[in-house]
Amino acid sequence: MNTEQNPLPEKFPAPLPTVEEEIPAKENKDVWVKVGLIAGAIVVIALLVGSIVLLLQSGSETTAKVRDIFIIFMALEFLIIGLALVILIIQLARLINLLQNEVKPILDSTNETANTLRGTTQFLSDHLVEPVIKLNEYLASLQSLLKVFRSKGR
């Protein structure tokens, strides 16, 4: 194997594609999605226009049948929307129950723990840290005093 031609050993995997190489693929996908949505909208509009033209040309009996079918579809749609609203209200009630019975006690417990920790740190500050600082202060004063006496003794 010639190291001048291929400096990397064969056991290394191929390099991953860079971000710049992945962006055009995503943009291409977005373009196709937009084209599909526009084509779908055009087809729906064409079907609506065609249906209106056919209904205007047909007799009143055909128009009445189409009207009845449309009313049935609208009733089914309202039924589905009502069912979705009932499910939404049930889910909202379950969420409120979860917040009141599970999350609130956890928050109360966390708040109590934080208050206990605050008290513990205050206690340690008063009874451990302050005496150590005062001791260090006294030792530094004593050390300075000893330096003064040593320098006068010489």
Foldseek 3Di string as FASTA:
>chain_A
DDCVVPVDDPVDDDDDDDPVVVVVVVVVVVVVVVVVVVVVVVVVVVVVVVVVVVLVPDDPVVVVVVVVVVVVVVVVVVVVVVVVVVVVVVVVVVVVVCCVPPVVVVVVVVVVVVVVVVVVVVVCCVPPVVVVVVVVVVVVVVVVVVVVVVVVVD
